[in-house]
Amino acid sequence: MRLSNQLMLASLNRHKFEEFQALLSVYPEVTLIPVGQMIRNPEGLARVEGHSSYLENAAAKARIANQGCHYPALGDDSGLEVRALQGRPGVRSHRYASPKPHQSQDQVNVELLLSEMQGQQDRAALFTCTLALVIEGILVHATGTLEGTITDSPRGVHGFGYDPIFVPTGKTQTLAEMTASEKNQISHRCKAIHSLMAQIKSHGLVFAKP
């Protein structure tokens, strides 16, 4: 089946769009487009993240975006799972902490997690990213993971989310201390996007210009 070469990312997160745009740059047959460019009221995407798994959340966002414009839609749900916290924050990673005035959601999430990790010797954690592509009733999905540890305090100014407190296994820098290029070579999203593109090909789906 031939798919439109325009792939819509079902996310309002500007940082995620830029990251996926960079990751997909090695696939010249695909042009990533923001959801706000194609459908009205994309804010509704934020209201579907109430499911109990990454796949359910990713697929729900992709389906809503696909229904709005019928282009191939890519939904993503990512989370940080900390072993000492019994896998929290997990699927609630983005909305882990209650909002506070004058602070971003990323900041309050990091503060809460570090406060819960005080005194913990086990700092092991896992980043997970699940992607779901929806088009013409077809759902293709893939998951990528990145193992690492949680730092005692934030380090670095790049990235977003929990990047300033996550050091990948075998590295000494947090994801926020790495350049975008360095992060994109090892990240959970990098692994998920390459796995997804391989599965798309195995299903006989081809991105092509009209």
C-alpha atoms as a PDB file:
ATOM      1  CA  MET A   1       0.000   0.000   0.000  1.00  0.00           C
ATOM      2  CA  ARG A   2       1.287   3.455  -0.896  1.00  0.00           C
ATOM      3  CA  LEU A   3       1.043   6.036   1.881  1.00  0.00           C
ATOM      4  CA  SER A   4       1.221   9.787   1.631  1.00  0.00           C
ATOM      5  CA  ASN A   5       4.778  10.933   2.206  1.00  0.00           C
ATOM      6  CA  GLN A   6       3.403  13.516   4.636  1.00  0.00           C
ATOM      7  CA  LEU A   7       3.411  12.011   8.112  1.00  0.00           C
ATOM      8  CA  MET A   8       1.598  13.941  10.827  1.00  0.00           C
ATOM      9  CA  LEU A   9       2.940  13.849  14.389  1.00  0.00           C
ATOM     10  CA  ALA A  10       0.013  13.719  16.813  1.00  0.00           C
ATOM     11  CA  SER A  11       1.685  15.831  19.485  1.00  0.00           C
ATOM     12  CA  LEU A  12       1.566  19.459  20.585  1.00  0.00           C
ATOM     13  CA  ASN A  13       5.021  19.211  22.146  1.00  0.00           C
ATOM     14  CA  ARG A  14       7.379  21.400  20.081  1.00  0.00           C
ATOM     15  CA  HIS A  15      10.456  19.654  21.501  1.00  0.00           C
ATOM     16  CA  LYS A  16       9.133  16.246  20.473  1.00  0.00           C
ATOM     17  CA  PHE A  17       8.374  17.511  16.970  1.00  0.00           C
ATOM     18  CA  GLU A  18      11.921  18.813  16.560  1.00  0.00           C
ATOM     19  CA  GLU A  19      13.358  15.560  17.893  1.00  0.00           C
ATOM     20  CA  PHE A  20      11.255  13.366  15.606  1.00  0.00           C
ATOM     21  CA  GLN A  21      12.037  15.646  12.675  1.00  0.00           C
ATOM     22  CA  ALA A  22      15.743  15.055  13.276  1.00  0.00           C
ATOM     23  CA  LEU A  23      15.280  11.302  13.741  1.00  0.00           C
ATOM     24  CA  LEU A  24      13.294  11.009  10.508  1.00  0.00           C
ATOM     25  CA  SER A  25      15.872  12.984   8.529  1.00  0.00           C
ATOM     26  CA  VAL A  26      17.520   9.677   7.587  1.00  0.00           C
ATOM     27  CA  TYR A  27      14.272   8.700   5.838  1.00  0.00           C
ATOM     28  CA  PRO A  28      14.064  11.258   2.990  1.00  0.00           C
ATOM     29  CA  GLU A  29      10.835   9.693   1.713  1.00  0.00           C
ATOM     30  CA  VAL A  30       8.988  11.059   4.775  1.00  0.00           C
ATOM     31  CA  THR A  31       8.003  14.666   5.483  1.00  0.00           C
ATOM     32  CA  LEU A  32       6.925  15.251   9.088  1.00  0.00           C
ATOM     33  CA  ILE A  33       4.175  17.822   9.572  1.00  0.00           C
ATOM     34  CA  PRO A  34       2.809  19.277  12.837  1.00  0.00           C
ATOM     35  CA  VAL A  35      -0.708  18.316  13.852  1.00  0.00           C
ATOM     36  CA  GLY A  36      -1.759  21.947  14.253  1.00  0.00           C
ATOM     37  CA  GLN A  37      -1.135  22.518  10.555  1.00  0.00           C
ATOM     38  CA  MET A  38      -3.635  19.862   9.505  1.00  0.00           C
ATOM     39  CA  ILE A  39      -6.533  19.622  11.959  1.00  0.00           C
ATOM     40  CA  ARG A  40      -8.688  22.010  13.934  1.00  0.00           C
ATOM     41  CA  ASN A  41      -8.646  22.016  17.735  1.00  0.00           C
ATOM     42  CA  PRO A  42      -5.604  19.727  18.148  1.00  0.00           C
ATOM     43  CA  GLU A  43      -5.729  20.493  21.878  1.00  0.00           C
ATOM     44  CA  GLY A  44      -8.051  17.511  22.190  1.00  0.00           C
ATOM     45  CA  LEU A  45      -5.021  15.237  21.897  1.00  0.00           C
ATOM     46  CA  ALA A  46      -4.051  16.068  25.473  1.00  0.00           C
ATOM     47  CA  ARG A  47      -7.337  14.701  26.777  1.00  0.00           C
ATOM     48  CA  VAL A  48      -6.850  11.150  25.502  1.00  0.00           C
ATOM     49  CA  GLU A  49      -3.776  10.311  27.611  1.00  0.00           C
ATOM     50  CA  GLY A  50      -5.797   8.621  30.338  1.00  0.00           C
ATOM     51  CA  HIS A  51      -5.033   5.039  29.440  1.00  0.00           C
ATOM     52  CA  SER A  52      -2.961   2.581  31.454  1.00  0.00           C
ATOM     53  CA  SER A  53      -0.366   1.738  28.792  1.00  0.00           C
ATOM     54  CA  TYR A  54       1.935   3.606  26.425  1.00  0.00           C
ATOM     55  CA  LEU A  55       0.455   1.821  23.425  1.00  0.00           C
ATOM     56  CA  GLU A  56      -3.124   2.747  24.292  1.00  0.00           C
ATOM     57  CA  ASN A  57      -2.173   6.407  24.697  1.00  0.00           C
ATOM     58  CA  ALA A  58      -0.079   6.504  21.512  1.00  0.00           C
ATOM     59  CA  ALA A  59      -2.757   4.761  19.453  1.00  0.00           C
ATOM     60  CA  ALA A  60      -5.536   7.008  20.794  1.00  0.00           C
ATOM     61  CA  LYS A  61      -3.650  10.150  19.784  1.00  0.00           C
ATOM     62  CA  ALA A  62      -2.813   8.747  16.355  1.00  0.00           C
ATOM     63  CA  ARG A  63      -6.433   7.739  15.711  1.00  0.00           C
ATOM     64  CA  ILE A  64      -7.804  11.162  16.628  1.00  0.00           C
ATOM     65  CA  ALA A  65      -5.265  12.904  14.395  1.00  0.00           C
ATOM     66  CA  ASN A  66      -5.914  10.489  11.518  1.00  0.00           C
ATOM     67  CA  GLN A  67      -9.672  10.989  11.759  1.00  0.00           C
ATOM     68  CA  GLY A  68      -9.146  14.723  11.553  1.00  0.00           C
ATOM     69  CA  CYS A  69      -7.303  14.727   8.228  1.00  0.00           C
ATOM     70  CA  HIS A  70      -6.820  11.132   6.965  1.00  0.00           C
ATOM     71  CA  TYR A  71      -3.071  11.543   6.610  1.00  0.00           C
ATOM     72  CA  PRO A  72      -0.810   8.887   8.163  1.00  0.00           C
ATOM     73  CA  ALA A  73      -0.688   9.867  11.840  1.00  0.00           C
ATOM     74  CA  LEU A  74       2.106   9.064  14.273  1.00  0.00           C
ATOM     75  CA  GLY A  75       1.225   8.927  17.964  1.00  0.00           C
ATOM     76  CA  ASP A  76       3.852   8.739  20.672  1.00  0.00           C
ATOM     77  CA  ASP A  77       3.761   8.050  24.384  1.00  0.00           C
ATOM     78  CA  SER A  78       6.909   8.038  26.455  1.00  0.00           C
ATOM     79  CA  GLY A  79       7.717   7.608  30.097  1.00  0.00           C
ATOM     80  CA  LEU A  80      10.391   7.206  32.740  1.00  0.00           C
ATOM     81  CA  GLU A  81      10.227   4.101  34.925  1.00  0.00           C
ATOM     82  CA  VAL A  82      12.276   4.202  38.134  1.00  0.00           C
ATOM     83  CA  ARG A  83      12.959   0.867  39.815  1.00  0.00           C
ATOM     84  CA  ALA A  84      13.101   2.220  43.379  1.00  0.00           C
ATOM     85  CA  LEU A  85       9.693   3.865  42.824  1.00  0.00           C
ATOM     86  CA  GLN A  86       8.109   0.614  41.597  1.00  0.00           C
ATOM     87  CA  GLY A  87       8.086   1.862  38.008  1.00  0.00           C
ATOM     88  CA  ARG A  88       6.741   5.339  38.660  1.00  0.00           C
ATOM     89  CA  PRO A  89       6.132   7.788  37.063  1.00  0.00           C
ATOM     90  CA  GLY A  90       5.602   5.502  34.030  1.00  0.00           C
ATOM     91  CA  VAL A  91       2.639   6.375  31.827  1.00  0.00           C
ATOM     92  CA  ARG A  92       1.969   9.404  34.046  1.00  0.00           C
ATOM     93  CA  SER A  93       5.434  10.848  33.448  1.00  0.00           C
ATOM     94  CA  HIS A  94       4.251  14.020  31.705  1.00  0.00           C
ATOM     95  CA  ARG A  95       1.649  14.851  34.349  1.00  0.00           C
ATOM     96  CA  TYR A  96       3.405  13.333  37.362  1.00  0.00           C
ATOM     97  CA  ALA A  97       3.423  16.402  39.614  1.00  0.00           C
ATOM     98  CA  SER A  98       0.708  18.944  40.275  1.00  0.00           C
ATOM     99  CA  PRO A  99       1.257  22.187  38.318  1.00  0.00           C
ATOM    100  CA  LYS A 100       2.832  25.122  40.138  1.00  0.00           C
ATOM    101  CA  PRO A 101       2.736  28.803  39.187  1.00  0.00           C
ATOM    102  CA  HIS A 102       5.865  30.212  37.534  1.00  0.00           C
ATOM    103  CA  GLN A 103       7.312  26.732  36.898  1.00  0.00           C
ATOM    104  CA  SER A 104       7.109  24.530  33.846  1.00  0.00           C
ATOM    105  CA  GLN A 105       5.573  21.078  34.093  1.00  0.00           C
ATOM    106  CA  ASP A 106       9.002  19.586  33.381  1.00  0.00           C
ATOM    107  CA  GLN A 107      10.483  21.436  36.361  1.00  0.00           C
ATOM    108  CA  VAL A 108       7.852  20.326  38.864  1.00  0.00           C
ATOM    109  CA  ASN A 109       8.036  16.744  37.600  1.00  0.00           C
ATOM    110  CA  VAL A 110      11.804  16.631  38.083  1.00  0.00           C
ATOM    111  CA  GLU A 111      11.569  18.212  41.539  1.00  0.00           C
ATOM    112  CA  LEU A 112       8.981  15.689  42.706  1.00  0.00           C
ATOM    113  CA  LEU A 113      10.908  12.716  41.395  1.00  0.00           C
ATOM    114  CA  LEU A 114      14.180  13.835  42.977  1.00  0.00           C
ATOM    115  CA  SER A 115      12.436  14.411  46.306  1.00  0.00           C
ATOM    116  CA  GLU A 116      11.060  10.868  46.182  1.00  0.00           C
ATOM    117  CA  MET A 117      14.515   9.513  45.361  1.00  0.00           C
ATOM    118  CA  GLN A 118      16.250  11.105  48.341  1.00  0.00           C
ATOM    119  CA  GLY A 119      18.189   8.466  50.246  1.00  0.00           C
ATOM    120  CA  GLN A 120      17.642   5.794  47.604  1.00  0.00           C
ATOM    121  CA  GLN A 121      20.725   3.749  46.768  1.00  0.00           C
ATOM    122  CA  ASP A 122      19.127   2.061  43.767  1.00  0.00           C
ATOM    123  CA  ARG A 123      19.064   4.729  41.036  1.00  0.00           C
ATOM    124  CA  ALA A 124      18.250   2.447  38.075  1.00  0.00           C
ATOM    125  CA  ALA A 125      15.697   3.741  35.581  1.00  0.00           C
ATOM    126  CA  LEU A 126      14.354   3.063  32.119  1.00  0.00           C
ATOM    127  CA  PHE A 127      13.067   5.417  29.430  1.00  0.00           C
ATOM    128  CA  THR A 128      10.371   3.890  27.215  1.00  0.00           C
ATOM    129  CA  CYS A 129       8.879   5.209  23.975  1.00  0.00           C
ATOM    130  CA  THR A 130       5.981   3.552  22.154  1.00  0.00           C
ATOM    131  CA  LEU A 131       4.988   4.748  18.689  1.00  0.00           C
ATOM    132  CA  ALA A 132       1.735   4.031  16.866  1.00  0.00           C
ATOM    133  CA  LEU A 133       1.126   4.719  13.190  1.00  0.00           C
ATOM    134  CA  VAL A 134      -2.529   4.796  12.091  1.00  0.00           C
ATOM    135  CA  ILE A 135      -3.676   4.973   8.473  1.00  0.00           C
ATOM    136  CA  GLU A 136      -6.668   3.503   6.634  1.00  0.00           C
ATOM    137  CA  GLY A 137      -7.626   1.391   9.635  1.00  0.00           C
ATOM    138  CA  ILE A 138      -4.142  -0.073   9.965  1.00  0.00           C
ATOM    139  CA  LEU A 139      -2.209   0.171  13.244  1.00  0.00           C
ATOM    140  CA  VAL A 140       1.548  -0.409  13.279  1.00  0.00           C
ATOM    141  CA  HIS A 141       3.421   0.083  16.539  1.00  0.00           C
ATOM    142  CA  ALA A 142       6.912  -0.243  18.009  1.00  0.00           C
ATOM    143  CA  THR A 143       8.670   0.367  21.315  1.00  0.00           C
ATOM    144  CA  GLY A 144      12.189   1.504  22.174  1.00  0.00           C
ATOM    145  CA  THR A 145      13.879   1.638  25.575  1.00  0.00           C
ATOM    146  CA  LEU A 146      16.965   3.251  27.107  1.00  0.00           C
ATOM    147  CA  GLU A 147      18.452   2.076  30.403  1.00  0.00           C
ATOM    148  CA  GLY A 148      20.238   4.397  32.790  1.00  0.00           C
ATOM    149  CA  THR A 149      20.391   5.934  36.252  1.00  0.00           C
ATOM    150  CA  ILE A 150      18.880   8.919  38.039  1.00  0.00           C
ATOM    151  CA  THR A 151      21.246  11.674  39.199  1.00  0.00           C
ATOM    152  CA  ASP A 152      21.057  13.502  42.531  1.00  0.00           C
ATOM    153  CA  SER A 153      20.417  16.849  40.837  1.00  0.00           C
ATOM    154  CA  PRO A 154      19.683  18.228  37.343  1.00  0.00           C
ATOM    155  CA  ARG A 155      22.599  18.683  34.937  1.00  0.00           C
ATOM    156  CA  GLY A 156      22.580  20.188  31.474  1.00  0.00           C
ATOM    157  CA  VAL A 157      20.456  22.643  29.514  1.00  0.00           C
ATOM    158  CA  HIS A 158      19.459  20.642  26.444  1.00  0.00           C
ATOM    159  CA  GLY A 159      16.572  18.281  25.857  1.00  0.00           C
ATOM    160  CA  PHE A 160      13.335  18.317  27.832  1.00  0.00           C
ATOM    161  CA  GLY A 161      11.342  16.318  30.361  1.00  0.00           C
ATOM    162  CA  TYR A 162      13.517  14.225  32.646  1.00  0.00           C
ATOM    163  CA  ASP A 163      16.630  14.533  30.448  1.00  0.00           C
ATOM    164  CA  PRO A 164      18.571  16.613  33.042  1.00  0.00           C
ATOM    165  CA  ILE A 165      18.466  13.790  35.622  1.00  0.00           C
ATOM    166  CA  PHE A 166      18.982  10.713  33.418  1.00  0.00           C
ATOM    167  CA  VAL A 167      22.414   9.273  32.597  1.00  0.00           C
ATOM    168  CA  PRO A 168      22.283   6.446  30.009  1.00  0.00           C
ATOM    169  CA  THR A 169      24.105   3.244  30.894  1.00  0.00           C
ATOM    170  CA  GLY A 170      27.737   3.444  29.780  1.00  0.00           C
ATOM    171  CA  LYS A 171      27.707   7.258  29.638  1.00  0.00           C
ATOM    172  CA  THR A 172      28.790   9.943  32.082  1.00  0.00           C
ATOM    173  CA  GLN A 173      26.609  12.786  30.797  1.00  0.00           C
ATOM    174  CA  THR A 174      22.905  13.271  31.327  1.00  0.00           C
ATOM    175  CA  LEU A 175      20.770  13.420  28.189  1.00  0.00           C
ATOM    176  CA  ALA A 176      20.502  17.170  28.792  1.00  0.00           C
ATOM    177  CA  GLU A 177      24.301  17.521  28.704  1.00  0.00           C
ATOM    178  CA  MET A 178      24.492  15.824  25.307  1.00  0.00           C
ATOM    179  CA  THR A 179      24.022  17.527  21.990  1.00  0.00           C
ATOM    180  CA  ALA A 180      20.825  16.715  20.116  1.00  0.00           C
ATOM    181  CA  SER A 181      22.844  14.611  17.692  1.00  0.00           C
ATOM    182  CA  GLU A 182      24.451  12.588  20.489  1.00  0.00           C
ATOM    183  CA  LYS A 183      21.120  11.988  22.200  1.00  0.00           C
ATOM    184  CA  ASN A 184      19.378  11.008  18.975  1.00  0.00           C
ATOM    185  CA  GLN A 185      21.911   8.260  18.325  1.00  0.00           C
ATOM    186  CA  ILE A 186      20.990   6.333  21.492  1.00  0.00           C
ATOM    187  CA  SER A 187      17.585   7.511  22.707  1.00  0.00           C
ATOM    188  CA  HIS A 188      14.481   5.417  23.279  1.00  0.00           C
ATOM    189  CA  ARG A 189      12.759   7.432  20.520  1.00  0.00           C
ATOM    190  CA  CYS A 190      15.606   6.676  18.115  1.00  0.00           C
ATOM    191  CA  LYS A 191      15.211   2.943  18.737  1.00  0.00           C
ATOM    192  CA  ALA A 192      11.418   3.137  18.455  1.00  0.00           C
ATOM    193  CA  ILE A 193      11.402   5.094  15.177  1.00  0.00           C
ATOM    194  CA  HIS A 194      13.863   2.739  13.453  1.00  0.00           C
ATOM    195  CA  SER A 195      11.889  -0.288  14.651  1.00  0.00           C
ATOM    196  CA  LEU A 196       8.645   1.284  13.429  1.00  0.00           C
ATOM    197  CA  MET A 197      10.039   2.115  10.005  1.00  0.00           C
ATOM    198  CA  ALA A 198      11.265  -1.477   9.625  1.00  0.00           C
ATOM    199  CA  GLN A 199       7.819  -2.792  10.540  1.00  0.00           C
ATOM    200  CA  ILE A 200       6.128  -0.403   8.105  1.00  0.00           C
ATOM    201  CA  LYS A 201       8.317  -1.827   5.347  1.00  0.00           C
ATOM    202  CA  SER A 202       7.602  -5.414   6.417  1.00  0.00           C
ATOM    203  CA  HIS A 203       3.855  -4.713   6.159  1.00  0.00           C
ATOM    204  CA  GLY A 204       4.305  -3.680   2.520  1.00  0.00           C
ATOM    205  CA  LEU A 205       3.563  -0.026   3.281  1.00  0.00           C
ATOM    206  CA  VAL A 206       5.489   2.562   1.294  1.00  0.00           C
ATOM    207  CA  PHE A 207       5.694   6.334   1.825  1.00  0.00           C
ATOM    208  CA  ALA A 208       5.503   8.001  -1.583  1.00  0.00           C
ATOM    209  CA  LYS A 209       4.581  11.348  -3.079  1.00  0.00           C
ATOM    210  CA  PRO A 210       1.104  11.471  -4.660  1.00  0.00           C
END
